[in-house]
Amino acid sequence: MSSILALSDAIEDVFPEGTLFEAVKPNEKGEYVESAFPWTVARVQIPNTLSRSMAGTRHAQRVRITVTIAGITFTSVRVIVDKLDPILEGARPTAAGWSLSPVRMLNARDIVEDETITLTTANRHPVYTVLEYGLTAARN
């Protein structure tokens, strides 16, 4: 079956263990926020149609993957990017009912401070970046 769920599961399987696919909630389990850093949250978006036949049948779809990496320091964020990018760049997920291109980086945003959170034990703001990847998918 060529479902979007099978597609997103295949893409999520490329990520290393420990990657989160749901939003991180500070102090959700009674832990200090600092103990959760650094963390990576990845989201596989719903495919967008890239091209159609004259009859309207979808030929190709673009799947966007956004990855948020947060840490206490700029260096901690760079270390995670340095480990994650070689895993994602060029990876070719396999999903039943889909023909998929390799994953390619589309954009890397600047590392910035999140001034809405103050880490009490470190007396500083966490920093984060967002990486955007994409691949082309066609239903078999």
C-alpha atoms as a PDB file:
ATOM      1  CA  MET A   1       0.000   0.000   0.000  1.00  0.00           C
ATOM      2  CA  SER A   2       1.348   3.415  -0.930  1.00  0.00           C
ATOM      3  CA  SER A   3       0.087   5.308   2.088  1.00  0.00           C
ATOM      4  CA  ILE A   4       1.527   8.543   3.407  1.00  0.00           C
ATOM      5  CA  LEU A   5       1.976   6.778   6.766  1.00  0.00           C
ATOM      6  CA  ALA A   6       4.216   4.129   5.156  1.00  0.00           C
ATOM      7  CA  LEU A   7       6.175   6.918   3.478  1.00  0.00           C
ATOM      8  CA  SER A   8       6.677   8.920   6.684  1.00  0.00           C
ATOM      9  CA  ASP A   9       7.609   5.772   8.654  1.00  0.00           C
ATOM     10  CA  ALA A  10      10.271   4.909   6.048  1.00  0.00           C
ATOM     11  CA  ILE A  11      11.753   8.408   6.249  1.00  0.00           C
ATOM     12  CA  GLU A  12      11.706   8.391  10.067  1.00  0.00           C
ATOM     13  CA  ASP A  13      13.565   5.049  10.023  1.00  0.00           C
ATOM     14  CA  VAL A  14      16.566   6.820   8.455  1.00  0.00           C
ATOM     15  CA  PHE A  15      17.085   8.962  11.573  1.00  0.00           C
ATOM     16  CA  PRO A  16      19.363   7.770  14.375  1.00  0.00           C
ATOM     17  CA  GLU A  17      17.962   6.411  17.620  1.00  0.00           C
ATOM     18  CA  GLY A  18      17.046   9.157  20.055  1.00  0.00           C
ATOM     19  CA  THR A  19      15.546  11.456  17.431  1.00  0.00           C
ATOM     20  CA  LEU A  20      12.145  12.744  18.554  1.00  0.00           C
ATOM     21  CA  PHE A  21       9.188  13.046  16.198  1.00  0.00           C
ATOM     22  CA  GLU A  22       6.919  14.960  18.570  1.00  0.00           C
ATOM     23  CA  ALA A  23       7.470  18.365  20.140  1.00  0.00           C
ATOM     24  CA  VAL A  24       9.647  18.553  23.217  1.00  0.00           C
ATOM     25  CA  LYS A  25       7.815  19.878  26.276  1.00  0.00           C
ATOM     26  CA  PRO A  26      10.106  21.365  28.918  1.00  0.00           C
ATOM     27  CA  ASN A  27       9.681  19.840  32.384  1.00  0.00           C
ATOM     28  CA  GLU A  28       7.050  17.420  31.096  1.00  0.00           C
ATOM     29  CA  LYS A  29       8.391  14.581  33.264  1.00  0.00           C
ATOM     30  CA  GLY A  30       9.642  16.693  36.137  1.00  0.00           C
ATOM     31  CA  GLU A  31      13.139  16.961  34.685  1.00  0.00           C
ATOM     32  CA  TYR A  32      15.044  20.170  34.241  1.00  0.00           C
ATOM     33  CA  VAL A  33      15.093  21.403  30.661  1.00  0.00           C
ATOM     34  CA  GLU A  34      18.896  21.351  30.683  1.00  0.00           C
ATOM     35  CA  SER A  35      18.973  17.562  31.104  1.00  0.00           C
ATOM     36  CA  ALA A  36      17.133  17.163  27.788  1.00  0.00           C
ATOM     37  CA  PHE A  37      19.773  19.018  25.736  1.00  0.00           C
ATOM     38  CA  PRO A  38      20.920  18.595  23.108  1.00  0.00           C
ATOM     39  CA  TRP A  39      17.847  17.259  21.344  1.00  0.00           C
ATOM     40  CA  THR A  40      16.652  16.730  17.796  1.00  0.00           C
ATOM     41  CA  VAL A  41      13.030  16.885  16.666  1.00  0.00           C
ATOM     42  CA  ALA A  42      12.243  15.822  13.095  1.00  0.00           C
ATOM     43  CA  ARG A  43       8.958  16.282  11.269  1.00  0.00           C
ATOM     44  CA  VAL A  44       8.031  14.642   7.991  1.00  0.00           C
ATOM     45  CA  GLN A  45       5.549  16.894   6.194  1.00  0.00           C
ATOM     46  CA  ILE A  46       2.626  15.796   4.014  1.00  0.00           C
ATOM     47  CA  PRO A  47       3.769  15.449   0.375  1.00  0.00           C
ATOM     48  CA  ASN A  48       3.024  18.308  -2.037  1.00  0.00           C
ATOM     49  CA  THR A  49       2.269  17.587  -5.672  1.00  0.00           C
ATOM     50  CA  LEU A  50       5.109  18.618  -8.004  1.00  0.00           C
ATOM     51  CA  SER A  51       3.712  17.477 -11.335  1.00  0.00           C
ATOM     52  CA  ARG A  52       0.582  15.943 -12.863  1.00  0.00           C
ATOM     53  CA  SER A  53      -0.333  14.296 -16.120  1.00  0.00           C
ATOM     54  CA  MET A  54      -2.763  15.996 -18.496  1.00  0.00           C
ATOM     55  CA  ALA A  55      -5.469  13.786 -16.944  1.00  0.00           C
ATOM     56  CA  GLY A  56      -4.612  15.076 -13.484  1.00  0.00           C
ATOM     57  CA  THR A  57      -2.798  12.012 -12.125  1.00  0.00           C
ATOM     58  CA  ARG A  58       0.040  12.872  -9.760  1.00  0.00           C
ATOM     59  CA  HIS A  59       3.469  11.993 -11.142  1.00  0.00           C
ATOM     60  CA  ALA A  60       5.745  13.291  -8.425  1.00  0.00           C
ATOM     61  CA  GLN A  61       5.429  14.719  -4.962  1.00  0.00           C
ATOM     62  CA  ARG A  62       7.899  16.710  -2.861  1.00  0.00           C
ATOM     63  CA  VAL A  63       8.287  15.598   0.754  1.00  0.00           C
ATOM     64  CA  ARG A  64       9.812  18.171   3.087  1.00  0.00           C
ATOM     65  CA  ILE A  65      11.540  17.163   6.314  1.00  0.00           C
ATOM     66  CA  THR A  66      12.214  19.783   8.975  1.00  0.00           C
ATOM     67  CA  VAL A  67      14.730  19.054  11.707  1.00  0.00           C
ATOM     68  CA  THR A  68      15.048  21.281  14.776  1.00  0.00           C
ATOM     69  CA  ILE A  69      18.249  20.851  16.765  1.00  0.00           C
ATOM     70  CA  ALA A  70      18.548  22.561  20.148  1.00  0.00           C
ATOM     71  CA  GLY A  71      21.376  22.774  22.621  1.00  0.00           C
ATOM     72  CA  ILE A  72      22.897  24.866  25.362  1.00  0.00           C
ATOM     73  CA  THR A  73      25.744  26.182  23.195  1.00  0.00           C
ATOM     74  CA  PHE A  74      26.311  26.895  19.525  1.00  0.00           C
ATOM     75  CA  THR A  75      28.980  24.187  19.517  1.00  0.00           C
ATOM     76  CA  SER A  76      26.591  21.541  20.868  1.00  0.00           C
ATOM     77  CA  VAL A  77      24.176  22.303  18.015  1.00  0.00           C
ATOM     78  CA  ARG A  78      26.985  22.151  15.443  1.00  0.00           C
ATOM     79  CA  VAL A  79      28.129  18.768  16.807  1.00  0.00           C
ATOM     80  CA  ILE A  80      24.646  17.283  16.294  1.00  0.00           C
ATOM     81  CA  VAL A  81      24.416  18.750  12.771  1.00  0.00           C
ATOM     82  CA  ASP A  82      27.864  17.325  12.027  1.00  0.00           C
ATOM     83  CA  LYS A  83      26.666  13.833  13.041  1.00  0.00           C
ATOM     84  CA  LEU A  84      23.170  13.994  11.525  1.00  0.00           C
ATOM     85  CA  ASP A  85      23.783  15.556   8.112  1.00  0.00           C
ATOM     86  CA  PRO A  86      25.943  12.704   6.731  1.00  0.00           C
ATOM     87  CA  ILE A  87      23.224  10.236   7.780  1.00  0.00           C
ATOM     88  CA  LEU A  88      20.423  12.149   6.020  1.00  0.00           C
ATOM     89  CA  GLU A  89      22.194  13.616   2.975  1.00  0.00           C
ATOM     90  CA  GLY A  90      21.877  11.061   0.187  1.00  0.00           C
ATOM     91  CA  ALA A  91      19.903   8.530   2.252  1.00  0.00           C
ATOM     92  CA  ARG A  92      17.378   6.666   0.147  1.00  0.00           C
ATOM     93  CA  PRO A  93      14.421   5.456   2.245  1.00  0.00           C
ATOM     94  CA  THR A  94      12.406   2.472   1.049  1.00  0.00           C
ATOM     95  CA  ALA A  95       8.614   2.490   1.407  1.00  0.00           C
ATOM     96  CA  ALA A  96       6.136  -0.007   0.019  1.00  0.00           C
ATOM     97  CA  GLY A  97       4.259   1.493  -2.936  1.00  0.00           C
ATOM     98  CA  TRP A  98       6.647   4.417  -3.368  1.00  0.00           C
ATOM     99  CA  SER A  99       9.643   5.230  -5.527  1.00  0.00           C
ATOM    100  CA  LEU A 100      11.825   7.680  -3.614  1.00  0.00           C
ATOM    101  CA  SER A 101      14.749   9.914  -4.545  1.00  0.00           C
ATOM    102  CA  PRO A 102      17.687  10.431  -2.197  1.00  0.00           C
ATOM    103  CA  VAL A 103      17.220  12.909   0.660  1.00  0.00           C
ATOM    104  CA  ARG A 104      18.861  16.279  -0.032  1.00  0.00           C
ATOM    105  CA  MET A 105      19.410  19.325   2.181  1.00  0.00           C
ATOM    106  CA  LEU A 106      17.385  22.316   1.014  1.00  0.00           C
ATOM    107  CA  ASN A 107      18.226  24.882   3.690  1.00  0.00           C
ATOM    108  CA  ALA A 108      20.068  25.368   6.974  1.00  0.00           C
ATOM    109  CA  ARG A 109      18.923  28.292   9.072  1.00  0.00           C
ATOM    110  CA  ASP A 110      21.218  30.290  11.337  1.00  0.00           C
ATOM    111  CA  ILE A 111      21.715  29.135  14.920  1.00  0.00           C
ATOM    112  CA  VAL A 112      19.791  31.534  17.175  1.00  0.00           C
ATOM    113  CA  GLU A 113      18.959  31.930  20.862  1.00  0.00           C
ATOM    114  CA  ASP A 114      15.489  31.111  22.119  1.00  0.00           C
ATOM    115  CA  GLU A 115      14.914  34.075  24.405  1.00  0.00           C
ATOM    116  CA  THR A 116      11.563  32.691  25.597  1.00  0.00           C
ATOM    117  CA  ILE A 117      13.378  30.090  27.730  1.00  0.00           C
ATOM    118  CA  THR A 118      16.034  30.710  30.364  1.00  0.00           C
ATOM    119  CA  LEU A 119      18.011  27.713  31.562  1.00  0.00           C
ATOM    120  CA  THR A 120      18.250  28.308  35.294  1.00  0.00           C
ATOM    121  CA  THR A 121      21.239  26.087  36.043  1.00  0.00           C
ATOM    122  CA  ALA A 122      23.255  27.492  33.111  1.00  0.00           C
ATOM    123  CA  ASN A 123      21.832  31.041  33.391  1.00  0.00           C
ATOM    124  CA  ARG A 124      21.521  31.320  29.619  1.00  0.00           C
ATOM    125  CA  HIS A 125      19.090  30.845  26.733  1.00  0.00           C
ATOM    126  CA  PRO A 126      19.153  27.628  24.704  1.00  0.00           C
ATOM    127  CA  VAL A 127      20.112  27.883  21.045  1.00  0.00           C
ATOM    128  CA  TYR A 128      18.653  26.087  18.040  1.00  0.00           C
ATOM    129  CA  THR A 129      18.702  25.738  14.294  1.00  0.00           C
ATOM    130  CA  VAL A 130      16.271  24.332  11.749  1.00  0.00           C
ATOM    131  CA  LEU A 131      17.471  22.186   8.855  1.00  0.00           C
ATOM    132  CA  GLU A 132      15.225  21.516   5.882  1.00  0.00           C
ATOM    133  CA  TYR A 133      15.585  18.421   3.738  1.00  0.00           C
ATOM    134  CA  GLY A 134      13.521  17.143   0.868  1.00  0.00           C
ATOM    135  CA  LEU A 135      13.006  14.216  -1.431  1.00  0.00           C
ATOM    136  CA  THR A 136      10.829  13.400  -4.389  1.00  0.00           C
ATOM    137  CA  ALA A 137       8.276  10.592  -4.092  1.00  0.00           C
ATOM    138  CA  ALA A 138       6.202   8.880  -6.763  1.00  0.00           C
ATOM    139  CA  ARG A 139       3.541   6.277  -6.088  1.00  0.00           C
ATOM    140  CA  ASN A 140       4.142   2.922  -7.774  1.00  0.00           C
END
